[in-house]
PDB file of N, CA and C in Angstrom:
ATOM      1  N   MET A   1     -28.120 -23.409  21.595  1.00  0.00           N
ATOM      2  CA  MET A   1     -27.433 -23.889  22.775  1.00  0.00           C
ATOM      3  C   MET A   1     -25.992 -24.237  22.380  1.00  0.00           C
ATOM      4  N   PRO A   2     -24.992 -23.752  23.150  1.00  0.00           N
ATOM      5  CA  PRO A   2     -23.592 -24.007  22.792  1.00  0.00           C
ATOM      6  C   PRO A   2     -23.232 -25.465  23.036  1.00  0.00           C
ATOM      7  N   PRO A   3     -22.274 -25.984  22.272  1.00  0.00           N
ATOM      8  CA  PRO A   3     -21.836 -27.369  22.480  1.00  0.00           C
ATOM      9  C   PRO A   3     -21.134 -27.493  23.827  1.00  0.00           C
ATOM     10  N   PRO A   4     -21.119 -28.674  24.409  1.00  0.00           N
ATOM     11  CA  PRO A   4     -20.433 -28.865  25.695  1.00  0.00           C
ATOM     12  C   PRO A   4     -18.926 -28.696  25.519  1.00  0.00           C
ATOM     13  N   PRO A   5     -18.223 -28.371  26.602  1.00  0.00           N
ATOM     14  CA  PRO A   5     -16.761 -28.229  26.518  1.00  0.00           C
ATOM     15  C   PRO A   5     -16.119 -29.529  26.030  1.00  0.00           C
ATOM     16  N   ALA A   6     -15.004 -29.388  25.337  1.00  0.00           N
ATOM     17  CA  ALA A   6     -14.311 -30.545  24.752  1.00  0.00           C
ATOM     18  C   ALA A   6     -13.917 -31.573  25.806  1.00  0.00           C
ATOM     19  N   ALA A   7     -13.589 -31.123  27.013  1.00  0.00           N
ATOM     20  CA  ALA A   7     -13.160 -32.056  28.054  1.00  0.00           C
ATOM     21  C   ALA A   7     -14.266 -33.041  28.417  1.00  0.00           C
ATOM     22  N   LYS A   8     -15.528 -32.665  28.165  1.00  0.00           N
ATOM     23  CA  LYS A   8     -16.630 -33.559  28.502  1.00  0.00           C
ATOM     24  C   LYS A   8     -17.076 -34.392  27.308  1.00  0.00           C
ATOM     25  N   ASP A   9     -16.500 -34.144  26.161  1.00  0.00           N
ATOM     26  CA  ASP A   9     -16.833 -34.898  24.957  1.00  0.00           C
ATOM     27  C   ASP A   9     -16.137 -36.254  25.042  1.00  0.00           C
ATOM     28  N   PRO A  10     -16.878 -37.365  25.020  1.00  0.00           N
ATOM     29  CA  PRO A  10     -16.243 -38.682  25.164  1.00  0.00           C
ATOM     30  C   PRO A  10     -15.259 -39.004  24.048  1.00  0.00           C
ATOM     31  N   ARG A  11     -15.337 -38.283  22.951  1.00  0.00           N
ATOM     32  CA  ARG A  11     -14.391 -38.518  21.856  1.00  0.00           C
ATOM     33  C   ARG A  11     -13.057 -37.825  22.107  1.00  0.00           C
ATOM     34  N   CYS A  12     -13.025 -36.922  23.066  1.00  0.00           N
ATOM     35  CA  CYS A  12     -11.795 -36.188  23.406  1.00  0.00           C
ATOM     36  C   CYS A  12     -11.324 -36.667  24.768  1.00  0.00           C
ATOM     37  N   PRO A  13     -10.295 -37.483  24.814  1.00  0.00           N
ATOM     38  CA  PRO A  13      -9.834 -37.983  26.111  1.00  0.00           C
ATOM     39  C   PRO A  13      -9.311 -36.850  26.983  1.00  0.00           C
ATOM     40  N   THR A  14      -9.503 -37.015  28.260  1.00  0.00           N
ATOM     41  CA  THR A  14      -8.995 -36.042  29.218  1.00  0.00           C
ATOM     42  C   THR A  14      -7.478 -36.154  29.243  1.00  0.00           C
ATOM     43  N   PRO A  15      -6.790 -35.022  29.140  1.00  0.00           N
ATOM     44  CA  PRO A  15      -5.321 -35.087  29.169  1.00  0.00           C
ATOM     45  C   PRO A  15      -4.836 -35.660  30.497  1.00  0.00           C
ATOM     46  N   VAL A  16      -3.813 -36.469  30.408  1.00  0.00           N
ATOM     47  CA  VAL A  16      -3.213 -37.067  31.595  1.00  0.00           C
ATOM     48  C   VAL A  16      -1.944 -36.296  31.902  1.00  0.00           C
ATOM     49  N   PRO A  17      -1.807 -35.806  33.140  1.00  0.00           N
ATOM     50  CA  PRO A  17      -0.579 -35.079  33.466  1.00  0.00           C
ATOM     51  C   PRO A  17       0.617 -36.017  33.426  1.00  0.00           C
ATOM     52  N   PRO A  18       1.797 -35.491  33.115  1.00  0.00           N
ATOM     53  CA  PRO A  18       2.984 -36.349  33.077  1.00  0.00           C
ATOM     54  C   PRO A  18       3.290 -36.901  34.463  1.00  0.00           C
ATOM     55  N   ALA A  19       3.911 -38.056  34.485  1.00  0.00           N
ATOM     56  CA  ALA A  19       4.305 -38.658  35.757  1.00  0.00           C
ATOM     57  C   ALA A  19       5.316 -37.747  36.442  1.00  0.00           C
ATOM     58  N   PRO A  20       5.227 -37.631  37.759  1.00  0.00           N
ATOM     59  CA  PRO A  20       6.185 -36.773  38.453  1.00  0.00           C
ATOM     60  C   PRO A  20       7.600 -37.325  38.306  1.00  0.00           C
ATOM     61  N   LEU A  21       8.544 -36.426  38.210  1.00  0.00           N
ATOM     62  CA  LEU A  21       9.941 -36.839  38.121  1.00  0.00           C
ATOM     63  C   LEU A  21      10.376 -37.400  39.460  1.00  0.00           C
ATOM     64  N   ALA A  22      11.243 -38.377  39.405  1.00  0.00           N
ATOM     65  CA  ALA A  22      11.775 -38.944  40.636  1.00  0.00           C
ATOM     66  C   ALA A  22      12.595 -37.865  41.335  1.00  0.00           C
ATOM     67  N   PRO A  23      12.503 -37.802  42.644  1.00  0.00           N
ATOM     68  CA  PRO A  23      13.207 -36.741  43.360  1.00  0.00           C
ATOM     69  C   PRO A  23      14.718 -36.949  43.386  1.00  0.00           C
ATOM     70  N   THR A  24      15.440 -35.847  43.419  1.00  0.00           N
ATOM     71  CA  THR A  24      16.876 -35.890  43.683  1.00  0.00           C
ATOM     72  C   THR A  24      17.021 -35.980  45.192  1.00  0.00           C
ATOM     73  N   LEU A  25      17.826 -36.926  45.638  1.00  0.00           N
ATOM     74  CA  LEU A  25      18.019 -37.137  47.067  1.00  0.00           C
ATOM     75  C   LEU A  25      19.431 -36.752  47.453  1.00  0.00           C
ATOM     76  N   ARG A  26      19.546 -36.192  48.658  1.00  0.00           N
ATOM     77  CA  ARG A  26      20.860 -35.760  49.145  1.00  0.00           C
ATOM     78  C   ARG A  26      20.896 -35.820  50.667  1.00  0.00           C
ATOM     79  N   TYR A  27      22.095 -35.589  51.199  1.00  0.00           N
ATOM     80  CA  TYR A  27      22.324 -35.610  52.644  1.00  0.00           C
ATOM     81  C   TYR A  27      21.253 -34.783  53.358  1.00  0.00           C
ATOM     82  N   GLY A  28      20.670 -35.376  54.383  1.00  0.00           N
ATOM     83  CA  GLY A  28      19.647 -34.691  55.169  1.00  0.00           C
ATOM     84  C   GLY A  28      18.226 -35.087  54.806  1.00  0.00           C
ATOM     85  N   ASP A  29      18.045 -35.696  53.624  1.00  0.00           N
ATOM     86  CA  ASP A  29      16.708 -36.140  53.223  1.00  0.00           C
ATOM     87  C   ASP A  29      16.332 -37.402  54.003  1.00  0.00           C
ATOM     88  N   SER A  30      15.044 -37.696  54.023  1.00  0.00           N
ATOM     89  CA  SER A  30      14.587 -38.918  54.688  1.00  0.00           C
ATOM     90  C   SER A  30      13.269 -39.362  54.081  1.00  0.00           C
ATOM     91  N   GLY A  31      12.950 -40.628  54.306  1.00  0.00           N
ATOM     92  CA  GLY A  31      11.678 -41.154  53.838  1.00  0.00           C
ATOM     93  C   GLY A  31      11.827 -42.448  53.064  1.00  0.00           C
ATOM     94  N   ALA A  32      10.708 -42.863  52.483  1.00  0.00           N
ATOM     95  CA  ALA A  32      10.646 -44.146  51.778  1.00  0.00           C
ATOM     96  C   ALA A  32      11.581 -44.197  50.575  1.00  0.00           C
ATOM     97  N   GLU A  33      11.740 -43.080  49.865  1.00  0.00           N
ATOM     98  CA  GLU A  33      12.640 -43.064  48.699  1.00  0.00           C
ATOM     99  C   GLU A  33      14.087 -43.293  49.127  1.00  0.00           C
ATOM    100  N   VAL A  34      14.467 -42.752  50.278  1.00  0.00           N
ATOM    101  CA  VAL A  34      15.834 -42.955  50.779  1.00  0.00           C
ATOM    102  C   VAL A  34      16.019 -44.412  51.196  1.00  0.00           C
ATOM    103  N   GLU A  35      15.018 -44.986  51.840  1.00  0.00           N
ATOM    104  CA  GLU A  35      15.121 -46.403  52.218  1.00  0.00           C
ATOM    105  C   GLU A  35      15.254 -47.281  50.974  1.00  0.00           C
ATOM    106  N   LYS A  36      14.499 -46.978  49.944  1.00  0.00           N
ATOM    107  CA  LYS A  36      14.613 -47.725  48.681  1.00  0.00           C
ATOM    108  C   LYS A  36      16.030 -47.598  48.127  1.00  0.00           C
ATOM    109  N   LEU A  37      16.575 -46.392  48.158  1.00  0.00           N
ATOM    110  CA  LEU A  37      17.947 -46.156  47.697  1.00  0.00           C
ATOM    111  C   LEU A  37      18.928 -46.997  48.503  1.00  0.00           C
ATOM    112  N   GLN A  38      18.779 -47.012  49.821  1.00  0.00           N
ATOM    113  CA  GLN A  38      19.680 -47.788  50.668  1.00  0.00           C
ATOM    114  C   GLN A  38      19.640 -49.272  50.301  1.00  0.00           C
ATOM    115  N   ARG A  39      18.465 -49.782  50.027  1.00  0.00           N
ATOM    116  CA  ARG A  39      18.337 -51.196  49.657  1.00  0.00           C
ATOM    117  C   ARG A  39      18.993 -51.478  48.298  1.00  0.00           C
ATOM    118  N   LEU A  40      18.819 -50.561  47.360  1.00  0.00           N
ATOM    119  CA  LEU A  40      19.454 -50.725  46.044  1.00  0.00           C
ATOM    120  C   LEU A  40      20.976 -50.684  46.167  1.00  0.00           C
ATOM    121  N   LEU A  41      21.474 -49.774  46.977  1.00  0.00           N
ATOM    122  CA  LEU A  41      22.922 -49.669  47.180  1.00  0.00           C
ATOM    123  C   LEU A  41      23.471 -50.918  47.877  1.00  0.00           C
ATOM    124  N   ALA A  42      22.727 -51.448  48.837  1.00  0.00           N
ATOM    125  CA  ALA A  42      23.152 -52.668  49.531  1.00  0.00           C
ATOM    126  C   ALA A  42      23.208 -53.839  48.553  1.00  0.00           C
ATOM    127  N   ALA A  43      22.252 -53.906  47.652  1.00  0.00           N
ATOM    128  CA  ALA A  43      22.241 -54.985  46.655  1.00  0.00           C
ATOM    129  C   ALA A  43      23.451 -54.906  45.734  1.00  0.00           C
ATOM    130  N   ARG A  44      23.996 -53.712  45.572  1.00  0.00           N
ATOM    131  CA  ARG A  44      25.202 -53.524  44.746  1.00  0.00           C
ATOM    132  C   ARG A  44      26.479 -53.645  45.569  1.00  0.00           C
ATOM    133  N   GLY A  45      26.335 -53.873  46.875  1.00  0.00           N
ATOM    134  CA  GLY A  45      27.492 -54.094  47.730  1.00  0.00           C
ATOM    135  C   GLY A  45      28.225 -52.846  48.177  1.00  0.00           C
ATOM    136  N   VAL A  46      27.585 -51.683  48.101  1.00  0.00           N
ATOM    137  CA  VAL A  46      28.272 -50.453  48.498  1.00  0.00           C
ATOM    138  C   VAL A  46      27.678 -49.819  49.754  1.00  0.00           C
ATOM    139  N   TYR A  47      26.628 -50.425  50.306  1.00  0.00           N
ATOM    140  CA  TYR A  47      25.997 -49.894  51.522  1.00  0.00           C
ATOM    141  C   TYR A  47      25.784 -51.031  52.494  1.00  0.00           C
ATOM    142  N   SER A  48      26.187 -50.809  53.755  1.00  0.00           N
ATOM    143  CA  SER A  48      26.024 -51.864  54.755  1.00  0.00           C
ATOM    144  C   SER A  48      25.383 -51.353  56.037  1.00  0.00           C
ATOM    145  N   GLY A  49      24.762 -50.194  55.980  1.00  0.00           N
ATOM    146  CA  GLY A  49      24.112 -49.641  57.167  1.00  0.00           C
ATOM    147  C   GLY A  49      22.682 -50.111  57.316  1.00  0.00           C
ATOM    148  N   LYS A  50      21.977 -49.454  58.240  1.00  0.00           N
ATOM    149  CA  LYS A  50      20.562 -49.753  58.473  1.00  0.00           C
ATOM    150  C   LYS A  50      19.726 -49.205  57.324  1.00  0.00           C
ATOM    151  N   PHE A  51      18.608 -49.856  57.077  1.00  0.00           N
ATOM    152  CA  PHE A  51      17.635 -49.354  56.104  1.00  0.00           C
ATOM    153  C   PHE A  51      16.653 -48.483  56.881  1.00  0.00           C
ATOM    154  N   ASP A  52      17.133 -47.303  57.274  1.00  0.00           N
ATOM    155  CA  ASP A  52      16.343 -46.437  58.147  1.00  0.00           C
ATOM    156  C   ASP A  52      15.696 -45.255  57.430  1.00  0.00           C
ATOM    157  N   GLY A  53      15.932 -45.125  56.129  1.00  0.00           N
ATOM    158  CA  GLY A  53      15.333 -44.029  55.379  1.00  0.00           C
ATOM    159  C   GLY A  53      15.946 -42.673  55.659  1.00  0.00           C
ATOM    160  N   LYS A  54      17.122 -42.642  56.272  1.00  0.00           N
ATOM    161  CA  LYS A  54      17.802 -41.376  56.579  1.00  0.00           C
ATOM    162  C   LYS A  54      19.050 -41.254  55.709  1.00  0.00           C
ATOM    163  N   TYR A  55      19.118 -40.188  54.943  1.00  0.00           N
ATOM    164  CA  TYR A  55      20.254 -39.952  54.039  1.00  0.00           C
ATOM    165  C   TYR A  55      21.347 -39.267  54.846  1.00  0.00           C
ATOM    166  N   GLY A  56      22.133 -40.096  55.528  1.00  0.00           N
ATOM    167  CA  GLY A  56      23.227 -39.596  56.339  1.00  0.00           C
ATOM    168  C   GLY A  56      24.565 -39.853  55.669  1.00  0.00           C
ATOM    169  N   THR A  57      25.613 -39.827  56.475  1.00  0.00           N
ATOM    170  CA  THR A  57      26.972 -39.988  55.966  1.00  0.00           C
ATOM    171  C   THR A  57      27.174 -41.331  55.264  1.00  0.00           C
ATOM    172  N   ARG A  58      26.656 -42.421  55.838  1.00  0.00           N
ATOM    173  CA  ARG A  58      26.836 -43.744  55.211  1.00  0.00           C
ATOM    174  C   ARG A  58      26.173 -43.806  53.842  1.00  0.00           C
ATOM    175  N   THR A  59      24.972 -43.276  53.745  1.00  0.00           N
ATOM    176  CA  THR A  59      24.266 -43.298  52.460  1.00  0.00           C
ATOM    177  C   THR A  59      24.990 -42.415  51.458  1.00  0.00           C
ATOM    178  N   GLU A  60      25.402 -41.239  51.890  1.00  0.00           N
ATOM    179  CA  GLU A  60      26.124 -40.325  51.003  1.00  0.00           C
ATOM    180  C   GLU A  60      27.414 -40.963  50.497  1.00  0.00           C
ATOM    181  N   ASN A  61      28.154 -41.608  51.395  1.00  0.00           N
ATOM    182  CA  ASN A  61      29.399 -42.270  50.993  1.00  0.00           C
ATOM    183  C   ASN A  61      29.133 -43.434  50.041  1.00  0.00           C
ATOM    184  N   ALA A  62      28.060 -44.176  50.279  1.00  0.00           N
ATOM    185  CA  ALA A  62      27.718 -45.292  49.394  1.00  0.00           C
ATOM    186  C   ALA A  62      27.352 -44.789  48.002  1.00  0.00           C
ATOM    187  N   VAL A  63      26.611 -43.685  47.937  1.00  0.00           N
ATOM    188  CA  VAL A  63      26.264 -43.103  46.635  1.00  0.00           C
ATOM    189  C   VAL A  63      27.536 -42.653  45.925  1.00  0.00           C
ATOM    190  N   SER A  64      28.440 -41.986  46.645  1.00  0.00           N
ATOM    191  CA  SER A  64      29.707 -41.540  46.052  1.00  0.00           C
ATOM    192  C   SER A  64      30.515 -42.726  45.529  1.00  0.00           C
ATOM    193  N   THR A  65      30.578 -43.791  46.311  1.00  0.00           N
ATOM    194  CA  THR A  65      31.306 -44.989  45.890  1.00  0.00           C
ATOM    195  C   THR A  65      30.692 -45.571  44.628  1.00  0.00           C
ATOM    196  N   PHE A  66      29.371 -45.676  44.592  1.00  0.00           N
ATOM    197  CA  PHE A  66      28.692 -46.197  43.411  1.00  0.00           C
ATOM    198  C   PHE A  66      28.973 -45.308  42.200  1.00  0.00           C
ATOM    199  N   GLN A  67      28.928 -44.001  42.396  1.00  0.00           N
ATOM    200  CA  GLN A  67      29.205 -43.070  41.292  1.00  0.00           C
ATOM    201  C   GLN A  67      30.630 -43.264  40.779  1.00  0.00           C
ATOM    202  N   TRP A  68      31.576 -43.401  41.684  1.00  0.00           N
ATOM    203  CA  TRP A  68      32.977 -43.564  41.303  1.00  0.00           C
ATOM    204  C   TRP A  68      33.179 -44.890  40.574  1.00  0.00           C
ATOM    205  N   GLN A  69      32.623 -45.976  41.125  1.00  0.00           N
ATOM    206  CA  GLN A  69      32.791 -47.302  40.520  1.00  0.00           C
ATOM    207  C   GLN A  69      32.192 -47.380  39.118  1.00  0.00           C
ATOM    208  N   ASN A  70      31.160 -46.589  38.871  1.00  0.00           N
ATOM    209  CA  ASN A  70      30.446 -46.656  37.598  1.00  0.00           C
ATOM    210  C   ASN A  70      30.710 -45.454  36.701  1.00  0.00           C
ATOM    211  N   ASP A  71      31.701 -44.640  37.084  1.00  0.00           N
ATOM    212  CA  ASP A  71      32.116 -43.486  36.276  1.00  0.00           C
ATOM    213  C   ASP A  71      30.920 -42.604  35.888  1.00  0.00           C
ATOM    214  N   ILE A  72      30.107 -42.279  36.885  1.00  0.00           N
ATOM    215  CA  ILE A  72      28.895 -41.494  36.644  1.00  0.00           C
ATOM    216  C   ILE A  72      29.221 -40.010  36.698  1.00  0.00           C
ATOM    217  N   GLU A  73      28.790 -39.318  35.670  1.00  0.00           N
ATOM    218  CA  GLU A  73      28.932 -37.860  35.614  1.00  0.00           C
ATOM    219  C   GLU A  73      27.541 -37.260  35.505  1.00  0.00           C
ATOM    220  N   GLY A  74      27.395 -36.041  35.934  1.00  0.00           N
ATOM    221  CA  GLY A  74      26.113 -35.363  35.804  1.00  0.00           C
ATOM    222  C   GLY A  74      25.446 -35.072  37.130  1.00  0.00           C
ATOM    223  N   ASP A  75      25.830 -35.771  38.181  1.00  0.00           N
ATOM    224  CA  ASP A  75      25.324 -35.498  39.527  1.00  0.00           C
ATOM    225  C   ASP A  75      26.516 -35.158  40.412  1.00  0.00           C
ATOM    226  N   ASP A  76      26.302 -34.305  41.402  1.00  0.00           N
ATOM    227  CA  ASP A  76      27.361 -34.030  42.368  1.00  0.00           C
ATOM    228  C   ASP A  76      27.664 -35.305  43.143  1.00  0.00           C
ATOM    229  N   TRP A  77      28.908 -35.423  43.624  1.00  0.00           N
ATOM    230  CA  TRP A  77      29.299 -36.588  44.410  1.00  0.00           C
ATOM    231  C   TRP A  77      28.381 -36.718  45.618  1.00  0.00           C
ATOM    232  N   GLY A  78      27.876 -37.920  45.824  1.00  0.00           N
ATOM    233  CA  GLY A  78      27.037 -38.202  46.977  1.00  0.00           C
ATOM    234  C   GLY A  78      25.588 -37.803  46.820  1.00  0.00           C
ATOM    235  N   VAL A  79      25.233 -37.224  45.675  1.00  0.00           N
ATOM    236  CA  VAL A  79      23.854 -36.803  45.417  1.00  0.00           C
ATOM    237  C   VAL A  79      23.211 -37.797  44.461  1.00  0.00           C
ATOM    238  N   TYR A  80      22.042 -38.289  44.838  1.00  0.00           N
ATOM    239  CA  TYR A  80      21.312 -39.261  44.024  1.00  0.00           C
ATOM    240  C   TYR A  80      20.388 -38.508  43.081  1.00  0.00           C
ATOM    241  N   GLY A  81      20.968 -38.093  41.962  1.00  0.00           N
ATOM    242  CA  GLY A  81      20.230 -37.353  40.949  1.00  0.00           C
ATOM    243  C   GLY A  81      19.910 -38.230  39.755  1.00  0.00           C
ATOM    244  N   PRO A  82      19.459 -37.621  38.662  1.00  0.00           N
ATOM    245  CA  PRO A  82      19.009 -38.381  37.490  1.00  0.00           C
ATOM    246  C   PRO A  82      20.051 -39.341  36.907  1.00  0.00           C
ATOM    247  N   ALA A  83      21.302 -38.906  36.789  1.00  0.00           N
ATOM    248  CA  ALA A  83      22.329 -39.765  36.184  1.00  0.00           C
ATOM    249  C   ALA A  83      22.614 -40.985  37.063  1.00  0.00           C
ATOM    250  N   THR A  84      22.715 -40.762  38.360  1.00  0.00           N
ATOM    251  CA  THR A  84      22.984 -41.864  39.284  1.00  0.00           C
ATOM    252  C   THR A  84      21.782 -42.798  39.358  1.00  0.00           C
ATOM    253  N   ARG A  85      20.591 -42.229  39.359  1.00  0.00           N
ATOM    254  CA  ARG A  85      19.367 -43.035  39.406  1.00  0.00           C
ATOM    255  C   ARG A  85      19.274 -43.953  38.181  1.00  0.00           C
ATOM    256  N   ARG A  86      19.573 -43.411  36.998  1.00  0.00           N
ATOM    257  CA  ARG A  86      19.531 -44.234  35.773  1.00  0.00           C
ATOM    258  C   ARG A  86      20.493 -45.410  35.872  1.00  0.00           C
ATOM    259  N   ALA A  87      21.693 -45.141  36.385  1.00  0.00           N
ATOM    260  CA  ALA A  87      22.702 -46.201  36.487  1.00  0.00           C
ATOM    261  C   ALA A  87      22.317 -47.253  37.528  1.00  0.00           C
ATOM    262  N   LEU A  88      21.741 -46.830  38.626  1.00  0.00           N
ATOM    263  CA  LEU A  88      21.417 -47.764  39.707  1.00  0.00           C
ATOM    264  C   LEU A  88      20.116 -48.513  39.451  1.00  0.00           C
ATOM    265  N   GLU A  89      19.127 -47.837  38.908  1.00  0.00           N
ATOM    266  CA  GLU A  89      17.812 -48.456  38.719  1.00  0.00           C
ATOM    267  C   GLU A  89      17.608 -49.009  37.313  1.00  0.00           C
ATOM    268  N   GLY A  90      18.477 -48.598  36.381  1.00  0.00           N
ATOM    269  CA  GLY A  90      18.290 -49.000  34.987  1.00  0.00           C
ATOM    270  C   GLY A  90      18.721 -50.394  34.661  1.00  0.00           C
TER     271      GLY A  90
END
């Protein structure tokens, strides 16, 4: 009788998939991640709009302002990508 597959062997832990990467957010996006971004930007004093979860002109401008104030390179202006996320959430 063949041995059971390794995945069922209690001595072999089941591989855990890597955590999903945080999404890049940009104009036109919406949802809970955008609302979180708006709140983070407001806490830094660069966003004063509604926390509506809509990545519109105000959110885009606030991201650009934050990028400029913090000399962030690596993301396009107004785009909440990895470099901007590290600076804002780190």
